[in-house]
Structures are given as structure tokens and as C-alpha cells.
Amino acid sequence: MSVKRSNSVLPGFVTVTVLGAVLGAAGAAQAAEPARRYVVVQWDLEAAMKNESLDAARYARFAQQARERGNAQLADVFERVATAERGEHLQRLAALSGQEAAPDPAEQQAALARLPNQSDAANLRDAITNERSQANTLRSEMVNRALKYGDVEAAQTFLTVGRGEIDNLLALRAARKLARQMAGS
């Protein structure tokens, strides 16, 4: 019985080894080809870049408004979040998309002009809502689409940026909690 088992194992081992070599060669040949990105995933990258760029500008404006109102702590939080959006998030997406991270200045100015001059509390509420939406909905949809089309690199980038959105959300929530404590005292 042990002889029979070793005889059946050896052909299985050979089959797995040959199959692994064939798949490895196919993977190497595929890696040698230039990477192709599905249009849907490229659109997601471009949409995410646009969102990050506009969010950075909006949070920089919120920081300016908070500073003008004398709320330096909140202004610092908004500036840190704007820097994360403009820096790490936008740069990662731009590097993967193969496009420049520079936003369209006219489009950005038009979007900022439409922003109402709200209270710091309203700006904070809007920022929290926006970051929560991006962290929960937008990024998970983009990750799923990238995986659907086999673009693991894009999915990983969307996950990484999504984690950054969660970090931003936590910083904004901490600022809201601090503001509420200061208002209550």
C-alpha cells in the first residue's frame, strides 16, 4: 500500500511542478508586457484625483476661515487634512494613473467660489461627512471595480488612500470632540 501511494504522489508532484512552471512562465511573459488598465479603473483613478484635489482646496479654505475667526487649533487640523489630501493621497493616485497631480485651477476656483461662508462647526460637519463618504463608499466601490478588472495595484492604492481618509476622519472627529468640550466649559 505504501508503494502504491508513493507511485501516485510522484506523478502528482510532477504535474504540479510542470503546471507551476507553465503558469510562472505565463506570468513572466504577462509582466513583460506593458500594463494595461481598464478604462473604468482609469476613470476611478481620475475621479479620485479630482476629489482629493478639490478636498485639499476646500480644507485649506476651511483652515483659513477658522484662523480668521481665531480658532487656530481647528485651522491646524484642517491644514493637516488638506496636506494629506494634496500630498500623499493625490500623489499616490497620480503616480498610478500616469497623470500629473496638478488640478485644473479654473475648476478648483469655481468649486471654491460655490462654497458658502459657514461657521467652523458647519465646515467641520461637512468635512466629516465628506471623509466618511469617501472612506466608506467611494473607496470600497473603487477597490471592488479594480479587483473585478484584475487591477490589484489600483485596488491596493485605493485601499491605502481609503485608510488615509479614515485617518483624516478620525482627526476631524477628534477636533469636533475638542470643540464640543471647549463649548461646554
N, C-alpha and C. Protein backbone atom coordinates (compact mmCIF):
# COMPACT_ATOMS: atom_id res chain seq x y z
N MET A 1 0.83 -1.19 0.00
CA MET A 1 0.00 0.00 0.00
C MET A 1 0.87 1.25 0.00
N SER A 2 1.99 1.22 0.71
CA SER A 2 2.86 2.40 0.73
C SER A 2 3.51 2.62 -0.63
N VAL A 3 3.79 1.54 -1.36
CA VAL A 3 4.39 1.66 -2.69
C VAL A 3 3.39 2.32 -3.63
N LYS A 4 2.15 1.92 -3.52
CA LYS A 4 1.11 2.48 -4.39
C LYS A 4 0.97 3.99 -4.13
N ARG A 5 1.01 4.38 -2.87
CA ARG A 5 0.88 5.78 -2.51
C ARG A 5 2.05 6.59 -3.08
N SER A 6 3.27 6.10 -2.96
CA SER A 6 4.41 6.85 -3.47
C SER A 6 4.36 6.95 -4.99
N ASN A 7 3.82 5.91 -5.65
CA ASN A 7 3.68 5.97 -7.09
C ASN A 7 2.66 7.03 -7.50
N SER A 8 1.59 7.19 -6.74
CA SER A 8 0.57 8.19 -7.10
C SER A 8 1.02 9.59 -6.71
N VAL A 9 1.85 9.71 -5.72
CA VAL A 9 2.33 11.02 -5.31
C VAL A 9 3.31 11.58 -6.32
N LEU A 10 4.19 10.74 -6.82
CA LEU A 10 5.21 11.21 -7.75
C LEU A 10 4.60 11.82 -9.01
N PRO A 11 3.65 11.17 -9.68
CA PRO A 11 3.04 11.82 -10.85
C PRO A 11 2.33 13.12 -10.48
N GLY A 12 1.69 13.15 -9.32
CA GLY A 12 1.03 14.39 -8.88
C GLY A 12 2.03 15.50 -8.65
N PHE A 13 3.17 15.14 -8.06
CA PHE A 13 4.21 16.13 -7.81
C PHE A 13 4.75 16.66 -9.14
N VAL A 14 4.97 15.78 -10.08
CA VAL A 14 5.48 16.18 -11.39
C VAL A 14 4.46 17.08 -12.09
N THR A 15 3.20 16.71 -12.02
CA THR A 15 2.14 17.51 -12.64
C THR A 15 2.10 18.90 -12.04
N VAL A 16 2.13 19.02 -10.73
CA VAL A 16 2.10 20.32 -10.06
C VAL A 16 3.33 21.14 -10.42
N THR A 17 4.50 20.49 -10.46
CA THR A 17 5.73 21.19 -10.79
C THR A 17 5.69 21.72 -12.21
N VAL A 18 5.24 20.90 -13.15
CA VAL A 18 5.15 21.33 -14.55
C VAL A 18 4.11 22.44 -14.70
N LEU A 19 2.96 22.25 -14.07
CA LEU A 19 1.92 23.27 -14.13
C LEU A 19 2.40 24.59 -13.53
N GLY A 20 3.11 24.53 -12.42
CA GLY A 20 3.67 25.73 -11.79
C GLY A 20 4.65 26.42 -12.70
N ALA A 21 5.49 25.65 -13.37
CA ALA A 21 6.47 26.24 -14.30
C ALA A 21 5.78 26.92 -15.47
N VAL A 22 4.73 26.29 -15.98
CA VAL A 22 3.99 26.87 -17.11
C VAL A 22 3.31 28.17 -16.68
N LEU A 23 2.65 28.15 -15.53
CA LEU A 23 1.99 29.36 -15.05
C LEU A 23 3.00 30.44 -14.73
N GLY A 24 4.14 30.07 -14.17
CA GLY A 24 5.19 31.04 -13.87
C GLY A 24 5.70 31.69 -15.13
N ALA A 25 5.90 30.90 -16.19
CA ALA A 25 6.36 31.45 -17.47
C ALA A 25 5.31 32.36 -18.08
N ALA A 26 4.04 31.97 -17.96
CA ALA A 26 2.97 32.82 -18.49
C ALA A 26 2.90 34.12 -17.71
N GLY A 27 3.07 34.05 -16.40
CA GLY A 27 3.06 35.27 -15.58
C GLY A 27 4.22 36.18 -15.92
N ALA A 28 5.39 35.60 -16.16
CA ALA A 28 6.56 36.40 -16.52
C ALA A 28 6.36 37.06 -17.87
N ALA A 29 5.76 36.33 -18.81
CA ALA A 29 5.51 36.91 -20.13
C ALA A 29 4.49 38.04 -20.02
N GLN A 30 3.49 37.85 -19.17
CA GLN A 30 2.48 38.89 -18.98
C GLN A 30 3.09 40.10 -18.30
N ALA A 31 4.00 39.90 -17.35
CA ALA A 31 4.64 41.01 -16.66
C ALA A 31 5.54 41.78 -17.59
N ALA A 32 6.07 41.11 -18.61
CA ALA A 32 6.95 41.79 -19.56
C ALA A 32 6.16 42.72 -20.48
N GLU A 33 4.87 42.43 -20.68
CA GLU A 33 4.04 43.31 -21.49
C GLU A 33 3.75 44.59 -20.70
N PRO A 34 3.55 45.70 -21.40
CA PRO A 34 3.18 46.92 -20.68
C PRO A 34 1.83 46.71 -19.99
N ALA A 35 1.71 47.24 -18.79
CA ALA A 35 0.48 47.07 -18.02
C ALA A 35 -0.67 47.80 -18.73
N ARG A 36 -1.78 47.10 -18.81
CA ARG A 36 -2.97 47.72 -19.40
C ARG A 36 -3.97 47.96 -18.29
N ARG A 37 -4.58 49.10 -18.31
CA ARG A 37 -5.54 49.44 -17.28
C ARG A 37 -6.90 49.61 -17.96
N TYR A 38 -7.90 48.97 -17.41
CA TYR A 38 -9.24 49.13 -17.95
C TYR A 38 -9.70 50.57 -17.80
N VAL A 39 -10.49 51.03 -18.74
CA VAL A 39 -10.97 52.41 -18.76
C VAL A 39 -11.72 52.75 -17.47
N VAL A 40 -12.51 51.81 -16.99
CA VAL A 40 -13.30 52.05 -15.78
C VAL A 40 -12.38 52.34 -14.59
N VAL A 41 -11.32 51.59 -14.46
CA VAL A 41 -10.38 51.78 -13.36
C VAL A 41 -9.64 53.12 -13.54
N GLN A 42 -9.28 53.45 -14.77
CA GLN A 42 -8.63 54.73 -15.03
C GLN A 42 -9.56 55.89 -14.68
N TRP A 43 -10.83 55.75 -15.01
CA TRP A 43 -11.81 56.78 -14.65
C TRP A 43 -11.89 56.93 -13.13
N ASP A 44 -11.88 55.80 -12.43
CA ASP A 44 -11.91 55.86 -10.97
C ASP A 44 -10.68 56.58 -10.42
N LEU A 45 -9.52 56.29 -10.99
CA LEU A 45 -8.30 56.98 -10.56
C LEU A 45 -8.42 58.48 -10.78
N GLU A 46 -8.91 58.87 -11.96
CA GLU A 46 -9.05 60.29 -12.27
C GLU A 46 -10.10 60.96 -11.37
N ALA A 47 -11.20 60.26 -11.11
CA ALA A 47 -12.23 60.82 -10.22
C ALA A 47 -11.68 60.98 -8.81
N ALA A 48 -10.94 59.98 -8.34
CA ALA A 48 -10.35 60.06 -7.00
C ALA A 48 -9.35 61.21 -6.92
N MET A 49 -8.55 61.39 -7.98
CA MET A 49 -7.59 62.50 -8.01
C MET A 49 -8.32 63.84 -7.94
N LYS A 50 -9.38 63.96 -8.70
CA LYS A 50 -10.16 65.20 -8.70
C LYS A 50 -10.75 65.47 -7.31
N ASN A 51 -11.30 64.42 -6.69
CA ASN A 51 -11.87 64.57 -5.35
C ASN A 51 -10.80 64.99 -4.33
N GLU A 52 -9.66 64.35 -4.38
CA GLU A 52 -8.59 64.68 -3.43
C GLU A 52 -8.13 66.12 -3.62
N SER A 53 -7.99 66.53 -4.85
CA SER A 53 -7.55 67.89 -5.14
C SER A 53 -8.55 68.93 -4.66
N LEU A 54 -9.82 68.71 -4.96
CA LEU A 54 -10.86 69.65 -4.53
C LEU A 54 -11.00 69.65 -3.01
N ASP A 55 -10.90 68.48 -2.40
CA ASP A 55 -10.98 68.41 -0.94
C ASP A 55 -9.83 69.17 -0.29
N ALA A 56 -8.64 69.03 -0.86
CA ALA A 56 -7.48 69.76 -0.31
C ALA A 56 -7.72 71.26 -0.36
N ALA A 57 -8.24 71.74 -1.47
CA ALA A 57 -8.52 73.17 -1.60
C ALA A 57 -9.62 73.60 -0.63
N ARG A 58 -10.64 72.78 -0.52
CA ARG A 58 -11.74 73.12 0.39
C ARG A 58 -11.27 73.15 1.83
N TYR A 59 -10.46 72.17 2.24
CA TYR A 59 -9.99 72.14 3.63
C TYR A 59 -9.00 73.27 3.90
N ALA A 60 -8.23 73.66 2.91
CA ALA A 60 -7.34 74.81 3.07
C ALA A 60 -8.17 76.08 3.28
N ARG A 61 -9.28 76.16 2.57
CA ARG A 61 -10.17 77.31 2.76
C ARG A 61 -10.82 77.28 4.13
N PHE A 62 -11.25 76.10 4.57
CA PHE A 62 -11.82 75.96 5.92
C PHE A 62 -10.79 76.38 6.96
N ALA A 63 -9.54 76.01 6.75
CA ALA A 63 -8.46 76.39 7.68
C ALA A 63 -8.30 77.90 7.73
N GLN A 64 -8.33 78.52 6.58
CA GLN A 64 -8.20 79.98 6.50
C GLN A 64 -9.36 80.65 7.25
N GLN A 65 -10.56 80.16 7.04
CA GLN A 65 -11.73 80.73 7.73
C GLN A 65 -11.61 80.55 9.24
N ALA A 66 -11.20 79.37 9.67
CA ALA A 66 -11.07 79.10 11.11
C ALA A 66 -10.00 80.01 11.72
N ARG A 67 -8.91 80.19 11.01
CA ARG A 67 -7.83 81.06 11.50
C ARG A 67 -8.33 82.51 11.61
N GLU A 68 -9.08 82.97 10.62
CA GLU A 68 -9.63 84.33 10.64
C GLU A 68 -10.59 84.53 11.82
N ARG A 69 -11.25 83.46 12.24
CA ARG A 69 -12.18 83.53 13.37
C ARG A 69 -11.48 83.32 14.69
N GLY A 70 -10.16 83.10 14.65
CA GLY A 70 -9.39 82.93 15.88
C GLY A 70 -9.32 81.52 16.41
N ASN A 71 -9.71 80.54 15.59
CA ASN A 71 -9.70 79.15 16.02
C ASN A 71 -8.48 78.44 15.41
N ALA A 72 -7.31 78.71 15.99
CA ALA A 72 -6.04 78.20 15.45
C ALA A 72 -5.95 76.68 15.52
N GLN A 73 -6.50 76.07 16.57
CA GLN A 73 -6.42 74.60 16.69
C GLN A 73 -7.18 73.91 15.56
N LEU A 74 -8.37 74.38 15.28
CA LEU A 74 -9.16 73.80 14.20
C LEU A 74 -8.50 74.07 12.85
N ALA A 75 -7.96 75.27 12.70
CA ALA A 75 -7.26 75.62 11.46
C ALA A 75 -6.10 74.66 11.22
N ASP A 76 -5.36 74.32 12.28
CA ASP A 76 -4.25 73.38 12.15
C ASP A 76 -4.72 72.00 11.70
N VAL A 77 -5.85 71.56 12.24
CA VAL A 77 -6.40 70.25 11.85
C VAL A 77 -6.79 70.27 10.37
N PHE A 78 -7.50 71.31 9.96
CA PHE A 78 -7.89 71.41 8.55
C PHE A 78 -6.66 71.46 7.64
N GLU A 79 -5.62 72.16 8.06
CA GLU A 79 -4.40 72.24 7.25
C GLU A 79 -3.72 70.88 7.15
N ARG A 80 -3.69 70.13 8.25
CA ARG A 80 -3.08 68.78 8.20
C ARG A 80 -3.85 67.86 7.26
N VAL A 81 -5.17 67.95 7.33
CA VAL A 81 -6.01 67.11 6.46
C VAL A 81 -5.82 67.54 5.00
N ALA A 82 -5.78 68.84 4.75
CA ALA A 82 -5.56 69.34 3.38
C ALA A 82 -4.21 68.88 2.85
N THR A 83 -3.19 68.90 3.70
CA THR A 83 -1.86 68.45 3.29
C THR A 83 -1.86 66.96 2.95
N ALA A 84 -2.58 66.16 3.73
CA ALA A 84 -2.67 64.72 3.46
C ALA A 84 -3.39 64.48 2.13
N GLU A 85 -4.46 65.21 1.90
CA GLU A 85 -5.22 65.06 0.65
C GLU A 85 -4.35 65.45 -0.55
N ARG A 86 -3.71 66.58 -0.45
CA ARG A 86 -2.90 67.13 -1.55
C ARG A 86 -1.60 66.35 -1.72
N GLY A 87 -1.04 65.90 -0.61
CA GLY A 87 0.25 65.24 -0.65
C GLY A 87 0.14 63.77 -0.93
N GLU A 88 0.10 63.00 0.12
CA GLU A 88 0.18 61.55 0.00
C GLU A 88 -0.93 60.96 -0.88
N HIS A 89 -2.18 61.34 -0.64
CA HIS A 89 -3.29 60.73 -1.38
C HIS A 89 -3.22 61.06 -2.87
N LEU A 90 -3.14 62.34 -3.17
CA LEU A 90 -3.13 62.76 -4.57
C LEU A 90 -1.89 62.25 -5.30
N GLN A 91 -0.77 62.26 -4.65
CA GLN A 91 0.47 61.81 -5.29
C GLN A 91 0.44 60.31 -5.60
N ARG A 92 -0.10 59.52 -4.68
CA ARG A 92 -0.22 58.07 -4.92
C ARG A 92 -1.11 57.80 -6.13
N LEU A 93 -2.24 58.46 -6.17
CA LEU A 93 -3.18 58.26 -7.27
C LEU A 93 -2.59 58.73 -8.59
N ALA A 94 -1.91 59.87 -8.56
CA ALA A 94 -1.30 60.41 -9.78
C ALA A 94 -0.20 59.49 -10.30
N ALA A 95 0.60 58.96 -9.40
CA ALA A 95 1.69 58.07 -9.81
C ALA A 95 1.13 56.82 -10.50
N LEU A 96 0.04 56.31 -9.99
CA LEU A 96 -0.55 55.12 -10.58
C LEU A 96 -1.26 55.42 -11.89
N SER A 97 -1.90 56.57 -11.97
CA SER A 97 -2.67 56.90 -13.17
C SER A 97 -1.78 57.34 -14.33
N GLY A 98 -0.56 57.74 -14.00
CA GLY A 98 0.34 58.22 -15.05
C GLY A 98 0.05 59.65 -15.46
N GLN A 99 -0.71 60.36 -14.66
CA GLN A 99 -1.05 61.75 -14.95
C GLN A 99 -0.45 62.67 -13.91
N GLU A 100 -0.42 63.95 -14.24
CA GLU A 100 0.06 64.94 -13.28
C GLU A 100 -0.97 65.11 -12.17
N ALA A 101 -0.46 65.45 -11.01
CA ALA A 101 -1.35 65.66 -9.86
C ALA A 101 -1.86 67.09 -9.79
N ALA A 102 -1.50 67.91 -10.76
CA ALA A 102 -1.92 69.31 -10.74
C ALA A 102 -3.39 69.42 -11.10
N PRO A 103 -4.18 70.06 -10.25
CA PRO A 103 -5.60 70.22 -10.55
C PRO A 103 -5.81 71.33 -11.58
N ASP A 104 -6.98 71.35 -12.15
CA ASP A 104 -7.36 72.42 -13.05
C ASP A 104 -7.69 73.64 -12.19
N PRO A 105 -6.87 74.71 -12.25
CA PRO A 105 -7.08 75.86 -11.37
C PRO A 105 -8.43 76.53 -11.56
N ALA A 106 -8.90 76.63 -12.78
CA ALA A 106 -10.19 77.28 -13.03
C ALA A 106 -11.32 76.48 -12.40
N GLU A 107 -11.26 75.17 -12.55
CA GLU A 107 -12.30 74.31 -11.98
C GLU A 107 -12.27 74.38 -10.45
N GLN A 108 -11.07 74.41 -9.90
CA GLN A 108 -10.93 74.47 -8.45
C GLN A 108 -11.46 75.81 -7.91
N GLN A 109 -11.12 76.90 -8.58
CA GLN A 109 -11.61 78.21 -8.15
C GLN A 109 -13.13 78.30 -8.23
N ALA A 110 -13.70 77.73 -9.28
CA ALA A 110 -15.15 77.73 -9.43
C ALA A 110 -15.81 76.94 -8.30
N ALA A 111 -15.23 75.82 -7.95
CA ALA A 111 -15.77 75.00 -6.86
C ALA A 111 -15.67 75.72 -5.53
N LEU A 112 -14.54 76.38 -5.31
CA LEU A 112 -14.37 77.13 -4.06
C LEU A 112 -15.30 78.33 -3.98
N ALA A 113 -15.57 78.95 -5.11
CA ALA A 113 -16.47 80.11 -5.14
C ALA A 113 -17.89 79.71 -4.76
N ARG A 114 -18.25 78.46 -5.04
CA ARG A 114 -19.60 77.98 -4.70
C ARG A 114 -19.76 77.63 -3.23
N LEU A 115 -18.65 77.56 -2.50
CA LEU A 115 -18.72 77.22 -1.08
C LEU A 115 -19.29 78.39 -0.28
N PRO A 116 -20.28 78.13 0.52
CA PRO A 116 -20.78 79.21 1.38
C PRO A 116 -19.81 79.47 2.52
N ASN A 117 -19.85 80.67 3.05
CA ASN A 117 -19.02 81.02 4.21
C ASN A 117 -19.80 80.56 5.44
N GLN A 118 -19.51 79.36 5.89
CA GLN A 118 -20.22 78.75 7.01
C GLN A 118 -19.45 78.91 8.30
N SER A 119 -20.09 78.52 9.37
CA SER A 119 -19.42 78.51 10.67
C SER A 119 -18.37 77.41 10.68
N ASP A 120 -17.48 77.49 11.65
CA ASP A 120 -16.46 76.44 11.79
C ASP A 120 -17.12 75.09 12.07
N ALA A 121 -18.18 75.10 12.88
CA ALA A 121 -18.88 73.85 13.19
C ALA A 121 -19.49 73.24 11.93
N ALA A 122 -20.07 74.08 11.07
CA ALA A 122 -20.66 73.58 9.82
C ALA A 122 -19.57 73.07 8.88
N ASN A 123 -18.45 73.77 8.81
CA ASN A 123 -17.33 73.30 7.97
C ASN A 123 -16.81 71.96 8.47
N LEU A 124 -16.71 71.83 9.78
CA LEU A 124 -16.24 70.58 10.37
C LEU A 124 -17.22 69.44 10.08
N ARG A 125 -18.50 69.74 10.21
CA ARG A 125 -19.54 68.74 9.92
C ARG A 125 -19.46 68.30 8.44
N ASP A 126 -19.30 69.26 7.53
CA ASP A 126 -19.19 68.93 6.11
C ASP A 126 -17.95 68.09 5.82
N ALA A 127 -16.84 68.44 6.44
CA ALA A 127 -15.60 67.70 6.23
C ALA A 127 -15.72 66.26 6.75
N ILE A 128 -16.33 66.10 7.91
CA ILE A 128 -16.53 64.76 8.48
C ILE A 128 -17.42 63.92 7.57
N THR A 129 -18.52 64.52 7.10
CA THR A 129 -19.42 63.81 6.20
C THR A 129 -18.70 63.40 4.92
N ASN A 130 -17.91 64.30 4.36
CA ASN A 130 -17.19 64.03 3.13
C ASN A 130 -16.16 62.91 3.32
N GLU A 131 -15.37 62.99 4.37
CA GLU A 131 -14.34 61.97 4.61
C GLU A 131 -14.97 60.61 4.90
N ARG A 132 -16.08 60.59 5.63
CA ARG A 132 -16.77 59.33 5.92
C ARG A 132 -17.29 58.72 4.61
N SER A 133 -17.86 59.55 3.76
CA SER A 133 -18.36 59.07 2.48
C SER A 133 -17.24 58.47 1.64
N GLN A 134 -16.12 59.17 1.57
CA GLN A 134 -15.01 58.67 0.77
C GLN A 134 -14.42 57.40 1.37
N ALA A 135 -14.30 57.36 2.68
CA ALA A 135 -13.72 56.19 3.32
C ALA A 135 -14.62 54.96 3.17
N ASN A 136 -15.91 55.14 3.32
CA ASN A 136 -16.83 54.00 3.32
C ASN A 136 -17.33 53.60 1.94
N THR A 137 -17.75 54.55 1.16
CA THR A 137 -18.44 54.24 -0.08
C THR A 137 -17.54 54.31 -1.29
N LEU A 138 -16.99 55.47 -1.53
CA LEU A 138 -16.22 55.70 -2.75
C LEU A 138 -15.06 54.74 -2.88
N ARG A 139 -14.25 54.61 -1.84
CA ARG A 139 -13.07 53.76 -1.92
C ARG A 139 -13.44 52.29 -2.04
N SER A 140 -14.46 51.84 -1.32
CA SER A 140 -14.80 50.42 -1.41
C SER A 140 -15.33 50.08 -2.80
N GLU A 141 -16.10 50.99 -3.41
CA GLU A 141 -16.59 50.75 -4.76
C GLU A 141 -15.43 50.70 -5.75
N MET A 142 -14.47 51.60 -5.58
CA MET A 142 -13.33 51.63 -6.48
C MET A 142 -12.45 50.39 -6.30
N VAL A 143 -12.28 49.97 -5.08
CA VAL A 143 -11.50 48.75 -4.81
C VAL A 143 -12.16 47.56 -5.50
N ASN A 144 -13.47 47.44 -5.34
CA ASN A 144 -14.18 46.31 -5.93
C ASN A 144 -14.10 46.33 -7.46
N ARG A 145 -14.24 47.51 -8.06
CA ARG A 145 -14.14 47.58 -9.53
C ARG A 145 -12.73 47.22 -9.99
N ALA A 146 -11.72 47.74 -9.29
CA ALA A 146 -10.34 47.42 -9.68
C ALA A 146 -10.10 45.92 -9.59
N LEU A 147 -10.58 45.29 -8.53
CA LEU A 147 -10.41 43.84 -8.39
C LEU A 147 -11.21 43.08 -9.45
N LYS A 148 -12.38 43.58 -9.77
CA LYS A 148 -13.20 42.95 -10.81
C LYS A 148 -12.45 42.90 -12.13
N TYR A 149 -11.69 43.95 -12.42
CA TYR A 149 -10.94 44.00 -13.68
C TYR A 149 -9.50 43.52 -13.52
N GLY A 150 -9.18 42.95 -12.37
CA GLY A 150 -7.88 42.35 -12.16
C GLY A 150 -6.74 43.33 -11.92
N ASP A 151 -7.06 44.57 -11.56
CA ASP A 151 -6.03 45.59 -11.33
C ASP A 151 -5.73 45.65 -9.83
N VAL A 152 -4.90 44.73 -9.39
CA VAL A 152 -4.58 44.62 -7.97
C VAL A 152 -3.82 45.86 -7.49
N GLU A 153 -2.96 46.40 -8.32
CA GLU A 153 -2.19 47.59 -7.94
C GLU A 153 -3.11 48.78 -7.66
N ALA A 154 -4.10 48.97 -8.52
CA ALA A 154 -5.07 50.05 -8.29
C ALA A 154 -5.89 49.78 -7.04
N ALA A 155 -6.31 48.55 -6.86
CA ALA A 155 -7.09 48.20 -5.66
C ALA A 155 -6.29 48.50 -4.40
N GLN A 156 -5.01 48.13 -4.40
CA GLN A 156 -4.15 48.39 -3.25
C GLN A 156 -4.00 49.88 -3.01
N THR A 157 -3.87 50.65 -4.07
CA THR A 157 -3.75 52.11 -3.93
C THR A 157 -5.03 52.69 -3.36
N PHE A 158 -6.19 52.25 -3.88
CA PHE A 158 -7.46 52.74 -3.35
C PHE A 158 -7.60 52.39 -1.86
N LEU A 159 -7.17 51.18 -1.48
CA LEU A 159 -7.22 50.81 -0.06
C LEU A 159 -6.32 51.70 0.79
N THR A 160 -5.13 51.96 0.31
CA THR A 160 -4.19 52.80 1.04
C THR A 160 -4.74 54.21 1.20
N VAL A 161 -5.26 54.77 0.13
CA VAL A 161 -5.83 56.11 0.20
C VAL A 161 -7.07 56.09 1.10
N GLY A 162 -7.85 55.02 1.02
CA GLY A 162 -9.02 54.89 1.90
C GLY A 162 -8.64 54.88 3.36
N ARG A 163 -7.52 54.22 3.69
CA ARG A 163 -7.03 54.24 5.08
C ARG A 163 -6.64 55.65 5.48
N GLY A 164 -6.08 56.39 4.55
CA GLY A 164 -5.75 57.79 4.82
C GLY A 164 -7.00 58.63 5.08
N GLU A 165 -8.07 58.32 4.35
CA GLU A 165 -9.34 59.02 4.57
C GLU A 165 -9.86 58.73 5.98
N ILE A 166 -9.68 57.50 6.44
CA ILE A 166 -10.10 57.15 7.80
C ILE A 166 -9.26 57.92 8.82
N ASP A 167 -7.97 58.04 8.57
CA ASP A 167 -7.11 58.84 9.46
C ASP A 167 -7.60 60.29 9.51
N ASN A 168 -7.94 60.84 8.34
CA ASN A 168 -8.47 62.21 8.30
C ASN A 168 -9.78 62.31 9.07
N LEU A 169 -10.63 61.33 8.87
CA LEU A 169 -11.92 61.31 9.57
C LEU A 169 -11.71 61.30 11.08
N LEU A 170 -10.79 60.49 11.55
CA LEU A 170 -10.53 60.42 12.99
C LEU A 170 -9.99 61.75 13.52
N ALA A 171 -9.12 62.40 12.76
CA ALA A 171 -8.58 63.70 13.18
C ALA A 171 -9.70 64.74 13.25
N LEU A 172 -10.59 64.73 12.27
CA LEU A 172 -11.71 65.68 12.26
C LEU A 172 -12.68 65.41 13.39
N ARG A 173 -12.94 64.14 13.67
CA ARG A 173 -13.84 63.80 14.78
C ARG A 173 -13.23 64.22 16.13
N ALA A 174 -11.92 64.05 16.26
CA ALA A 174 -11.25 64.48 17.49
C ALA A 174 -11.35 66.00 17.64
N ALA A 175 -11.23 66.72 16.54
CA ALA A 175 -11.37 68.19 16.59
C ALA A 175 -12.79 68.57 16.98
N ARG A 176 -13.77 67.84 16.46
CA ARG A 176 -15.17 68.13 16.83
C ARG A 176 -15.40 67.87 18.31
N LYS A 177 -14.85 66.79 18.81
CA LYS A 177 -15.00 66.46 20.23
C LYS A 177 -14.36 67.55 21.10
N LEU A 178 -13.17 68.00 20.71
CA LEU A 178 -12.49 69.05 21.44
C LEU A 178 -13.30 70.35 21.41
N ALA A 179 -13.86 70.67 20.25
CA ALA A 179 -14.67 71.88 20.12
C ALA A 179 -15.90 71.81 21.02
N ARG A 180 -16.52 70.65 21.09
CA ARG A 180 -17.70 70.48 21.94
C ARG A 180 -17.33 70.60 23.41
N GLN A 181 -16.18 70.04 23.78
CA GLN A 181 -15.74 70.15 25.18
C GLN A 181 -15.45 71.59 25.54
N MET A 182 -14.83 72.33 24.63
CA MET A 182 -14.49 73.73 24.89
C MET A 182 -15.74 74.59 24.96
N ALA A 183 -16.76 74.26 24.16
CA ALA A 183 -18.02 75.00 24.17
C ALA A 183 -18.79 74.72 25.46
N GLY A 184 -18.64 73.52 25.97
CA GLY A 184 -19.35 73.11 27.19
C GLY A 184 -18.72 73.64 28.47
N SER A 185 -17.45 74.06 28.40
CA SER A 185 -16.79 74.50 29.64
C SER A 185 -16.88 75.98 29.85
